[in-house]
Amino acid sequence: MPGPAVDAAARTAGADESWYQQVSTQMERDEYKASLNTLGLQAPNRAQNLRTYFRDGGIEVVPRESEGEAEGGWRFTWQTAHWGRPGRLDAFEDVVKPTAQGPRVSYEHSGLTEWYENGKDGLEQGFTVDARPEGKGPLCLAGRLGGTLRADLADDGAVDLFDPDGARVLRYGELHVWDANGVE
């Protein structure tokens, strides 16, 4: 949906439709940037009504209006704990501090980068493997879920997360994997 037209006063000041579109696009991108507040590194998501806190070693997701842990609401936490091949999962021994660049926050583990990209469609989680892990079989990632939500596997393979009142508040789905050659 196009934004409001640039009025005559704005055009006189040197603004035109192209300038307005450029500024609007930059404002929308900036809305999803991670930044520090009094509770730590966080990223609000107005479109999804969420706020993600990037803690040392993992994430915490709460309703956007909440400050830190949800006051009487819900809370979801995730910490990546192991990765590798079946029968040979390596534990992450060090707690990793997050680093932010715009809407992307990364955790640099040994051999693996875990990243989160905040945008209007939600919070995307990804893993970039530096080198093929030893062993045979599929690549496996394991983590710890925490908080006040109940997880249920949906018919389409997604995981739905429900608050204590039974309302679905999060959905973990649309999973994709690409190899080093870009093949899905």
N, C-alpha and C. Protein backbone atom coordinates (compact mmCIF):
# COMPACT_ATOMS: atom_id res chain seq x y z
N MET A 1 0.86 -1.17 0.00
CA MET A 1 0.00 0.00 0.00
C MET A 1 0.90 1.24 0.00
N PRO A 2 0.75 2.14 -0.96
CA PRO A 2 1.60 3.32 -1.01
C PRO A 2 1.33 4.25 0.16
N GLY A 3 2.37 4.98 0.54
CA GLY A 3 2.25 5.94 1.64
C GLY A 3 1.58 7.21 1.17
N PRO A 4 1.39 8.16 2.05
CA PRO A 4 0.77 9.42 1.68
C PRO A 4 1.65 10.19 0.69
N ALA A 5 1.01 10.94 -0.16
CA ALA A 5 1.75 11.72 -1.15
C ALA A 5 2.52 12.84 -0.45
N VAL A 6 3.62 13.23 -1.05
CA VAL A 6 4.42 14.34 -0.53
C VAL A 6 3.68 15.63 -0.86
N ASP A 7 3.42 16.45 0.15
CA ASP A 7 2.65 17.67 -0.08
C ASP A 7 3.53 18.78 -0.68
N ALA A 8 2.89 19.90 -1.05
CA ALA A 8 3.59 21.01 -1.72
C ALA A 8 4.70 21.59 -0.84
N ALA A 9 4.47 21.70 0.47
CA ALA A 9 5.50 22.26 1.36
C ALA A 9 6.73 21.37 1.39
N ALA A 10 6.52 20.05 1.40
CA ALA A 10 7.65 19.11 1.41
C ALA A 10 8.41 19.19 0.09
N ARG A 11 7.67 19.30 -1.04
CA ARG A 11 8.34 19.42 -2.34
C ARG A 11 9.17 20.69 -2.40
N THR A 12 8.68 21.77 -1.83
CA THR A 12 9.41 23.04 -1.81
C THR A 12 10.70 22.88 -1.00
N ALA A 13 10.67 22.06 0.04
CA ALA A 13 11.84 21.83 0.88
C ALA A 13 12.82 20.85 0.24
N GLY A 14 12.48 20.32 -0.94
CA GLY A 14 13.40 19.42 -1.65
C GLY A 14 13.01 17.96 -1.58
N ALA A 15 11.90 17.62 -0.94
CA ALA A 15 11.48 16.22 -0.85
C ALA A 15 10.59 15.89 -2.05
N ASP A 16 10.75 14.69 -2.57
CA ASP A 16 9.87 14.21 -3.64
C ASP A 16 9.43 12.79 -3.31
N GLU A 17 8.65 12.16 -4.19
CA GLU A 17 8.12 10.82 -3.93
C GLU A 17 9.26 9.81 -3.74
N SER A 18 10.32 9.93 -4.50
CA SER A 18 11.46 9.02 -4.39
C SER A 18 12.11 9.15 -3.01
N TRP A 19 12.31 10.38 -2.55
CA TRP A 19 12.89 10.62 -1.23
C TRP A 19 11.99 10.02 -0.15
N TYR A 20 10.68 10.28 -0.27
CA TYR A 20 9.72 9.78 0.72
C TYR A 20 9.77 8.26 0.78
N GLN A 21 9.81 7.60 -0.39
CA GLN A 21 9.85 6.13 -0.43
C GLN A 21 11.13 5.62 0.21
N GLN A 22 12.24 6.27 -0.05
CA GLN A 22 13.53 5.89 0.51
C GLN A 22 13.51 6.00 2.05
N VAL A 23 13.00 7.10 2.55
CA VAL A 23 12.92 7.32 4.00
C VAL A 23 11.97 6.32 4.64
N SER A 24 10.82 6.08 4.02
CA SER A 24 9.85 5.13 4.56
C SER A 24 10.43 3.72 4.63
N THR A 25 11.13 3.32 3.58
CA THR A 25 11.75 1.99 3.55
C THR A 25 12.81 1.86 4.64
N GLN A 26 13.63 2.89 4.82
CA GLN A 26 14.66 2.85 5.86
C GLN A 26 14.03 2.81 7.25
N MET A 27 12.96 3.55 7.46
CA MET A 27 12.28 3.53 8.77
C MET A 27 11.72 2.14 9.06
N GLU A 28 11.15 1.49 8.05
CA GLU A 28 10.61 0.15 8.25
C GLU A 28 11.72 -0.83 8.60
N ARG A 29 12.87 -0.75 7.92
CA ARG A 29 14.01 -1.63 8.24
C ARG A 29 14.52 -1.37 9.65
N ASP A 30 14.64 -0.10 10.02
CA ASP A 30 15.16 0.26 11.35
C ASP A 30 14.25 -0.20 12.48
N GLU A 31 12.97 -0.36 12.19
CA GLU A 31 12.00 -0.76 13.22
C GLU A 31 12.33 -2.14 13.79
N TYR A 32 13.03 -2.98 13.04
CA TYR A 32 13.31 -4.35 13.46
C TYR A 32 14.75 -4.55 13.94
N LYS A 33 15.52 -3.48 14.03
CA LYS A 33 16.91 -3.59 14.49
C LYS A 33 16.98 -3.99 15.95
N ALA A 34 18.02 -4.76 16.27
CA ALA A 34 18.29 -5.09 17.67
C ALA A 34 19.00 -3.91 18.31
N SER A 35 18.68 -3.64 19.56
CA SER A 35 19.32 -2.53 20.27
C SER A 35 19.36 -2.85 21.76
N LEU A 36 20.19 -2.10 22.46
CA LEU A 36 20.29 -2.27 23.91
C LEU A 36 19.24 -1.43 24.61
N ASN A 37 18.60 -2.01 25.61
CA ASN A 37 17.79 -1.23 26.52
C ASN A 37 18.24 -1.60 27.94
N THR A 38 17.53 -1.18 28.94
CA THR A 38 17.96 -1.43 30.32
C THR A 38 17.98 -2.92 30.67
N LEU A 39 17.26 -3.75 29.89
CA LEU A 39 17.20 -5.18 30.16
C LEU A 39 18.11 -6.00 29.24
N GLY A 40 18.86 -5.34 28.37
CA GLY A 40 19.80 -6.06 27.51
C GLY A 40 19.52 -5.86 26.03
N LEU A 41 20.17 -6.70 25.22
CA LEU A 41 20.00 -6.65 23.77
C LEU A 41 18.62 -7.19 23.43
N GLN A 42 17.84 -6.40 22.70
CA GLN A 42 16.46 -6.79 22.41
C GLN A 42 16.07 -6.30 21.03
N ALA A 43 15.01 -6.91 20.50
CA ALA A 43 14.46 -6.50 19.20
C ALA A 43 12.94 -6.59 19.26
N PRO A 44 12.25 -5.45 19.14
CA PRO A 44 10.79 -5.48 19.12
C PRO A 44 10.29 -5.89 17.74
N ASN A 45 9.09 -6.43 17.69
CA ASN A 45 8.47 -6.77 16.42
C ASN A 45 7.00 -6.36 16.51
N ARG A 46 6.73 -5.16 16.01
CA ARG A 46 5.38 -4.60 16.09
C ARG A 46 4.39 -5.44 15.28
N ALA A 47 4.79 -5.91 14.10
CA ALA A 47 3.89 -6.68 13.24
C ALA A 47 3.43 -7.96 13.91
N GLN A 48 4.30 -8.61 14.68
CA GLN A 48 3.96 -9.87 15.34
C GLN A 48 3.65 -9.69 16.82
N ASN A 49 3.78 -8.48 17.31
CA ASN A 49 3.53 -8.15 18.72
C ASN A 49 4.42 -8.96 19.66
N LEU A 50 5.71 -9.06 19.29
CA LEU A 50 6.70 -9.80 20.07
C LEU A 50 7.88 -8.92 20.42
N ARG A 51 8.61 -9.34 21.43
CA ARG A 51 9.91 -8.74 21.75
C ARG A 51 10.83 -9.90 22.07
N THR A 52 11.99 -9.91 21.42
CA THR A 52 12.98 -10.96 21.67
C THR A 52 14.15 -10.35 22.41
N TYR A 53 14.52 -10.98 23.51
CA TYR A 53 15.73 -10.62 24.25
C TYR A 53 16.80 -11.65 23.90
N PHE A 54 17.96 -11.17 23.55
CA PHE A 54 19.07 -12.02 23.19
C PHE A 54 20.01 -12.08 24.39
N ARG A 55 19.84 -13.14 25.16
CA ARG A 55 20.62 -13.33 26.39
C ARG A 55 21.92 -14.05 26.05
N ASP A 56 22.87 -14.04 26.96
CA ASP A 56 24.08 -14.83 26.78
C ASP A 56 23.66 -16.30 26.69
N GLY A 57 23.90 -16.92 25.57
CA GLY A 57 23.62 -18.34 25.39
C GLY A 57 22.26 -18.69 24.82
N GLY A 58 21.32 -17.75 24.72
CA GLY A 58 20.01 -18.10 24.18
C GLY A 58 19.06 -16.93 24.12
N ILE A 59 17.86 -17.20 23.62
CA ILE A 59 16.87 -16.14 23.42
C ILE A 59 15.70 -16.28 24.38
N GLU A 60 15.01 -15.17 24.58
CA GLU A 60 13.76 -15.13 25.35
C GLU A 60 12.78 -14.30 24.54
N VAL A 61 11.59 -14.84 24.28
CA VAL A 61 10.55 -14.15 23.53
C VAL A 61 9.36 -13.92 24.46
N VAL A 62 8.85 -12.69 24.46
CA VAL A 62 7.71 -12.30 25.29
C VAL A 62 6.79 -11.41 24.45
N PRO A 63 5.56 -11.17 24.92
CA PRO A 63 4.72 -10.18 24.24
C PRO A 63 5.45 -8.83 24.19
N ARG A 64 5.27 -8.07 23.12
CA ARG A 64 6.04 -6.84 22.89
C ARG A 64 5.89 -5.83 24.01
N GLU A 65 4.74 -5.73 24.64
CA GLU A 65 4.53 -4.73 25.69
C GLU A 65 5.19 -5.12 27.00
N SER A 66 5.63 -6.36 27.13
CA SER A 66 6.25 -6.83 28.37
C SER A 66 7.64 -6.26 28.52
N GLU A 67 8.06 -6.07 29.72
CA GLU A 67 9.42 -5.67 30.03
C GLU A 67 10.11 -6.87 30.66
N GLY A 68 10.99 -7.51 29.91
CA GLY A 68 11.68 -8.70 30.43
C GLY A 68 10.72 -9.84 30.54
N GLU A 69 10.71 -10.51 31.66
CA GLU A 69 9.82 -11.64 31.83
C GLU A 69 8.38 -11.14 31.84
N ALA A 70 7.53 -11.89 31.18
CA ALA A 70 6.13 -11.49 31.04
C ALA A 70 5.45 -11.41 32.40
N GLU A 71 4.81 -10.26 32.64
CA GLU A 71 4.08 -10.06 33.89
C GLU A 71 2.68 -10.65 33.71
N GLY A 72 2.50 -11.89 34.20
CA GLY A 72 1.19 -12.53 34.09
C GLY A 72 0.90 -13.04 32.69
N GLY A 73 1.81 -12.86 31.75
CA GLY A 73 1.62 -13.33 30.38
C GLY A 73 2.43 -14.59 30.15
N TRP A 74 2.92 -14.74 28.96
CA TRP A 74 3.69 -15.92 28.61
C TRP A 74 5.15 -15.57 28.34
N ARG A 75 5.97 -16.60 28.27
CA ARG A 75 7.40 -16.44 28.06
C ARG A 75 7.91 -17.70 27.38
N PHE A 76 8.80 -17.54 26.39
CA PHE A 76 9.40 -18.66 25.67
C PHE A 76 10.91 -18.46 25.64
N THR A 77 11.66 -19.52 25.95
CA THR A 77 13.12 -19.44 25.86
C THR A 77 13.64 -20.59 25.01
N TRP A 78 14.77 -20.34 24.36
CA TRP A 78 15.46 -21.36 23.56
C TRP A 78 16.95 -21.19 23.77
N GLN A 79 17.63 -22.32 23.96
CA GLN A 79 19.09 -22.34 24.04
C GLN A 79 19.58 -23.53 23.24
N THR A 80 20.38 -23.26 22.20
CA THR A 80 20.97 -24.35 21.43
C THR A 80 22.01 -25.03 22.31
N ALA A 81 21.93 -26.36 22.41
CA ALA A 81 22.78 -27.08 23.37
C ALA A 81 23.78 -28.04 22.72
N HIS A 82 23.38 -28.71 21.63
CA HIS A 82 24.22 -29.72 21.00
C HIS A 82 24.07 -29.66 19.48
N TRP A 83 25.10 -30.16 18.79
CA TRP A 83 24.98 -30.32 17.35
C TRP A 83 25.97 -31.37 16.89
N GLY A 84 25.72 -31.93 15.72
CA GLY A 84 26.62 -32.94 15.16
C GLY A 84 25.83 -33.98 14.40
N ARG A 85 26.26 -35.24 14.54
CA ARG A 85 25.63 -36.37 13.86
C ARG A 85 25.02 -37.30 14.91
N PRO A 86 24.06 -38.14 14.51
CA PRO A 86 23.48 -39.08 15.46
C PRO A 86 24.58 -39.90 16.16
N GLY A 87 24.47 -40.02 17.46
CA GLY A 87 25.45 -40.76 18.24
C GLY A 87 26.72 -39.98 18.53
N ARG A 88 26.80 -38.76 17.98
CA ARG A 88 28.00 -37.96 18.20
C ARG A 88 27.62 -36.47 18.25
N LEU A 89 26.78 -36.11 19.18
CA LEU A 89 26.37 -34.71 19.34
C LEU A 89 27.33 -34.03 20.30
N ASP A 90 27.91 -32.93 19.84
CA ASP A 90 28.83 -32.16 20.68
C ASP A 90 28.05 -31.10 21.44
N ALA A 91 28.37 -30.95 22.71
CA ALA A 91 27.74 -29.93 23.55
C ALA A 91 28.46 -28.60 23.37
N PHE A 92 27.71 -27.52 23.46
CA PHE A 92 28.31 -26.19 23.49
C PHE A 92 28.74 -25.95 24.92
N GLU A 93 30.03 -25.88 25.14
CA GLU A 93 30.54 -25.78 26.50
C GLU A 93 30.60 -24.36 27.02
N ASP A 94 30.82 -23.40 26.15
CA ASP A 94 30.93 -22.00 26.57
C ASP A 94 29.61 -21.28 26.33
N VAL A 95 29.25 -20.40 27.22
CA VAL A 95 28.10 -19.53 27.01
C VAL A 95 28.55 -18.42 26.07
N VAL A 96 27.82 -18.25 24.98
CA VAL A 96 28.21 -17.31 23.95
C VAL A 96 27.39 -16.03 24.06
N LYS A 97 28.07 -14.89 23.95
CA LYS A 97 27.38 -13.59 23.96
C LYS A 97 26.90 -13.27 22.55
N PRO A 98 25.71 -12.72 22.43
CA PRO A 98 25.20 -12.36 21.11
C PRO A 98 25.85 -11.08 20.56
N THR A 99 25.93 -11.00 19.24
CA THR A 99 26.37 -9.78 18.58
C THR A 99 25.28 -9.38 17.58
N ALA A 100 25.05 -8.08 17.46
CA ALA A 100 23.98 -7.59 16.60
C ALA A 100 24.53 -6.77 15.45
N GLN A 101 23.87 -6.93 14.31
CA GLN A 101 24.11 -6.08 13.15
C GLN A 101 22.76 -5.84 12.49
N GLY A 102 22.19 -4.68 12.75
CA GLY A 102 20.85 -4.38 12.25
C GLY A 102 19.83 -5.31 12.86
N PRO A 103 18.97 -5.94 12.02
CA PRO A 103 17.95 -6.84 12.55
C PRO A 103 18.47 -8.26 12.78
N ARG A 104 19.75 -8.51 12.51
CA ARG A 104 20.32 -9.86 12.67
C ARG A 104 21.19 -9.91 13.93
N VAL A 105 20.96 -10.96 14.72
CA VAL A 105 21.75 -11.21 15.93
C VAL A 105 22.36 -12.60 15.79
N SER A 106 23.66 -12.70 16.07
CA SER A 106 24.38 -13.97 15.90
C SER A 106 25.04 -14.43 17.18
N TYR A 107 25.15 -15.75 17.29
CA TYR A 107 25.91 -16.41 18.35
C TYR A 107 26.98 -17.24 17.64
N GLU A 108 28.24 -16.93 17.86
CA GLU A 108 29.35 -17.63 17.20
C GLU A 108 29.82 -18.79 18.07
N HIS A 109 29.38 -19.99 17.73
CA HIS A 109 29.82 -21.20 18.42
C HIS A 109 31.01 -21.78 17.66
N SER A 110 31.73 -22.69 18.25
CA SER A 110 32.83 -23.37 17.59
C SER A 110 32.26 -24.25 16.47
N GLY A 111 32.57 -23.90 15.21
CA GLY A 111 32.13 -24.67 14.06
C GLY A 111 30.75 -24.33 13.54
N LEU A 112 30.04 -23.42 14.20
CA LEU A 112 28.65 -23.15 13.85
C LEU A 112 28.26 -21.73 14.25
N THR A 113 27.56 -21.04 13.37
CA THR A 113 26.98 -19.74 13.71
C THR A 113 25.46 -19.90 13.79
N GLU A 114 24.92 -19.55 14.92
CA GLU A 114 23.47 -19.54 15.13
C GLU A 114 23.03 -18.09 14.95
N TRP A 115 22.00 -17.84 14.12
CA TRP A 115 21.59 -16.46 13.89
C TRP A 115 20.07 -16.33 13.91
N TYR A 116 19.65 -15.10 14.20
CA TYR A 116 18.23 -14.74 14.23
C TYR A 116 18.06 -13.46 13.43
N GLU A 117 17.05 -13.44 12.57
CA GLU A 117 16.75 -12.26 11.75
C GLU A 117 15.33 -11.82 12.09
N ASN A 118 15.20 -10.60 12.62
CA ASN A 118 13.92 -10.05 13.03
C ASN A 118 13.31 -9.28 11.86
N GLY A 119 12.06 -9.57 11.50
CA GLY A 119 11.39 -8.87 10.41
C GLY A 119 9.89 -8.93 10.57
N LYS A 120 9.18 -8.27 9.67
CA LYS A 120 7.72 -8.17 9.81
C LYS A 120 7.02 -9.53 9.77
N ASP A 121 7.64 -10.55 9.15
CA ASP A 121 7.04 -11.88 9.11
C ASP A 121 7.33 -12.69 10.37
N GLY A 122 8.18 -12.17 11.26
CA GLY A 122 8.49 -12.86 12.50
C GLY A 122 9.99 -12.95 12.72
N LEU A 123 10.39 -13.87 13.57
CA LEU A 123 11.78 -14.07 13.92
C LEU A 123 12.27 -15.33 13.21
N GLU A 124 13.21 -15.17 12.29
CA GLU A 124 13.77 -16.31 11.57
C GLU A 124 15.01 -16.78 12.31
N GLN A 125 15.11 -18.10 12.49
CA GLN A 125 16.28 -18.70 13.13
C GLN A 125 17.04 -19.46 12.06
N GLY A 126 18.38 -19.34 12.09
CA GLY A 126 19.18 -20.08 11.12
C GLY A 126 20.48 -20.54 11.74
N PHE A 127 21.08 -21.52 11.10
CA PHE A 127 22.37 -22.05 11.53
C PHE A 127 23.24 -22.16 10.30
N THR A 128 24.45 -21.65 10.38
CA THR A 128 25.42 -21.77 9.31
C THR A 128 26.57 -22.62 9.84
N VAL A 129 26.79 -23.77 9.19
CA VAL A 129 27.82 -24.71 9.60
C VAL A 129 29.11 -24.36 8.86
N ASP A 130 30.20 -24.19 9.61
CA ASP A 130 31.48 -23.82 9.01
C ASP A 130 32.12 -24.95 8.22
N ALA A 131 32.01 -26.18 8.72
CA ALA A 131 32.60 -27.34 8.06
C ALA A 131 31.77 -28.57 8.41
N ARG A 132 31.81 -29.54 7.50
CA ARG A 132 31.07 -30.78 7.71
C ARG A 132 31.52 -31.45 9.00
N PRO A 133 30.58 -31.74 9.92
CA PRO A 133 30.98 -32.43 11.15
C PRO A 133 31.34 -33.89 10.86
N GLU A 134 32.17 -34.46 11.71
CA GLU A 134 32.59 -35.85 11.54
C GLU A 134 31.41 -36.78 11.72
N GLY A 135 31.53 -37.97 11.14
CA GLY A 135 30.50 -38.99 11.29
C GLY A 135 29.60 -39.09 10.09
N LYS A 136 28.67 -40.00 10.18
CA LYS A 136 27.72 -40.25 9.10
C LYS A 136 26.30 -39.96 9.59
N GLY A 137 25.43 -39.73 8.64
CA GLY A 137 24.04 -39.49 8.97
C GLY A 137 23.69 -38.02 8.88
N PRO A 138 22.45 -37.69 9.18
CA PRO A 138 21.99 -36.31 9.06
C PRO A 138 22.61 -35.39 10.12
N LEU A 139 22.69 -34.13 9.77
CA LEU A 139 23.11 -33.12 10.73
C LEU A 139 22.00 -32.95 11.76
N CYS A 140 22.35 -32.92 13.03
CA CYS A 140 21.37 -32.79 14.10
C CYS A 140 21.69 -31.57 14.96
N LEU A 141 20.66 -30.86 15.36
CA LEU A 141 20.74 -29.74 16.30
C LEU A 141 19.77 -30.02 17.43
N ALA A 142 20.19 -29.77 18.64
CA ALA A 142 19.32 -29.99 19.80
C ALA A 142 19.40 -28.77 20.71
N GLY A 143 18.29 -28.50 21.37
CA GLY A 143 18.27 -27.35 22.26
C GLY A 143 17.34 -27.57 23.43
N ARG A 144 17.26 -26.53 24.25
CA ARG A 144 16.40 -26.56 25.43
C ARG A 144 15.30 -25.51 25.29
N LEU A 145 14.07 -25.95 25.41
CA LEU A 145 12.92 -25.05 25.45
C LEU A 145 12.61 -24.74 26.89
N GLY A 146 12.19 -23.52 27.15
CA GLY A 146 11.79 -23.14 28.49
C GLY A 146 10.69 -22.10 28.42
N GLY A 147 10.22 -21.71 29.57
CA GLY A 147 9.18 -20.69 29.64
C GLY A 147 7.85 -21.29 30.04
N THR A 148 6.78 -20.59 29.66
CA THR A 148 5.45 -20.96 30.12
C THR A 148 4.56 -21.51 29.00
N LEU A 149 5.12 -21.76 27.83
CA LEU A 149 4.31 -22.23 26.70
C LEU A 149 4.34 -23.75 26.58
N ARG A 150 3.24 -24.28 26.06
CA ARG A 150 3.12 -25.72 25.80
C ARG A 150 3.28 -25.93 24.30
N ALA A 151 4.13 -26.88 23.92
CA ALA A 151 4.41 -27.15 22.51
C ALA A 151 3.63 -28.37 22.03
N ASP A 152 3.05 -28.26 20.83
CA ASP A 152 2.36 -29.37 20.18
C ASP A 152 2.78 -29.42 18.72
N LEU A 153 3.01 -30.63 18.21
CA LEU A 153 3.34 -30.81 16.81
C LEU A 153 2.08 -30.69 15.97
N ALA A 154 2.11 -29.80 14.97
CA ALA A 154 0.96 -29.60 14.09
C ALA A 154 1.00 -30.61 12.94
N ASP A 155 -0.13 -30.78 12.25
CA ASP A 155 -0.23 -31.74 11.15
C ASP A 155 0.75 -31.43 10.02
N ASP A 156 1.11 -30.15 9.83
CA ASP A 156 2.01 -29.77 8.73
C ASP A 156 3.49 -29.83 9.13
N GLY A 157 3.80 -30.36 10.32
CA GLY A 157 5.19 -30.49 10.76
C GLY A 157 5.70 -29.31 11.57
N ALA A 158 4.93 -28.22 11.63
CA ALA A 158 5.32 -27.07 12.45
C ALA A 158 5.08 -27.41 13.92
N VAL A 159 5.66 -26.61 14.79
CA VAL A 159 5.41 -26.74 16.22
C VAL A 159 4.62 -25.50 16.65
N ASP A 160 3.43 -25.73 17.19
CA ASP A 160 2.62 -24.63 17.71
C ASP A 160 2.88 -24.51 19.20
N LEU A 161 2.96 -23.28 19.68
CA LEU A 161 3.22 -23.01 21.09
C LEU A 161 2.03 -22.25 21.66
N PHE A 162 1.48 -22.79 22.76
CA PHE A 162 0.25 -22.27 23.36
C PHE A 162 0.53 -21.68 24.73
N ASP A 163 -0.15 -20.56 25.02
CA ASP A 163 -0.01 -19.94 26.34
C ASP A 163 -0.82 -20.72 27.38
N PRO A 164 -0.70 -20.37 28.66
CA PRO A 164 -1.42 -21.12 29.71
C PRO A 164 -2.94 -21.12 29.54
N ASP A 165 -3.50 -20.16 28.78
CA ASP A 165 -4.94 -20.13 28.54
C ASP A 165 -5.35 -20.96 27.32
N GLY A 166 -4.38 -21.56 26.63
CA GLY A 166 -4.68 -22.39 25.47
C GLY A 166 -4.66 -21.68 24.13
N ALA A 167 -4.28 -20.40 24.10
CA ALA A 167 -4.22 -19.65 22.85
C ALA A 167 -2.85 -19.87 22.19
N ARG A 168 -2.87 -20.14 20.88
CA ARG A 168 -1.61 -20.26 20.16
C ARG A 168 -0.98 -18.88 20.02
N VAL A 169 0.25 -18.73 20.51
CA VAL A 169 0.92 -17.42 20.46
C VAL A 169 2.17 -17.43 19.60
N LEU A 170 2.73 -18.61 19.33
CA LEU A 170 3.91 -18.72 18.47
C LEU A 170 3.78 -19.95 17.60
N ARG A 171 4.46 -19.91 16.45
CA ARG A 171 4.50 -21.06 15.54
C ARG A 171 5.92 -21.17 15.02
N TYR A 172 6.50 -22.36 15.13
CA TYR A 172 7.84 -22.63 14.64
C TYR A 172 7.67 -23.55 13.44
N GLY A 173 7.88 -23.00 12.25
CA GLY A 173 7.64 -23.78 11.05
C GLY A 173 8.39 -23.26 9.86
N GLU A 174 7.97 -23.73 8.69
CA GLU A 174 8.59 -23.38 7.42
C GLU A 174 10.09 -23.66 7.45
N LEU A 175 10.44 -24.87 7.88
CA LEU A 175 11.83 -25.25 8.01
C LEU A 175 12.42 -25.60 6.64
N HIS A 176 13.62 -25.13 6.39
CA HIS A 176 14.34 -25.39 5.15
C HIS A 176 15.80 -25.62 5.46
N VAL A 177 16.43 -26.47 4.66
CA VAL A 177 17.85 -26.75 4.81
C VAL A 177 18.48 -26.69 3.43
N TRP A 178 19.63 -26.04 3.33
CA TRP A 178 20.39 -25.98 2.09
C TRP A 178 21.79 -26.51 2.34
N ASP A 179 22.33 -27.24 1.36
CA ASP A 179 23.70 -27.71 1.50
C ASP A 179 24.67 -26.63 1.01
N ALA A 180 25.96 -26.93 1.05
CA ALA A 180 27.00 -25.95 0.67
C ALA A 180 26.87 -25.50 -0.79
N ASN A 181 26.20 -26.30 -1.61
CA ASN A 181 26.00 -25.95 -3.03
C ASN A 181 24.70 -25.21 -3.27
N GLY A 182 23.95 -24.92 -2.21
CA GLY A 182 22.70 -24.20 -2.34
C GLY A 182 21.53 -25.08 -2.71
N VAL A 183 21.69 -26.40 -2.62
CA VAL A 183 20.61 -27.32 -2.94
C VAL A 183 19.77 -27.56 -1.70
N GLU A 184 18.44 -27.40 -1.85
CA GLU A 184 17.55 -27.58 -0.71
C GLU A 184 17.35 -29.06 -0.40
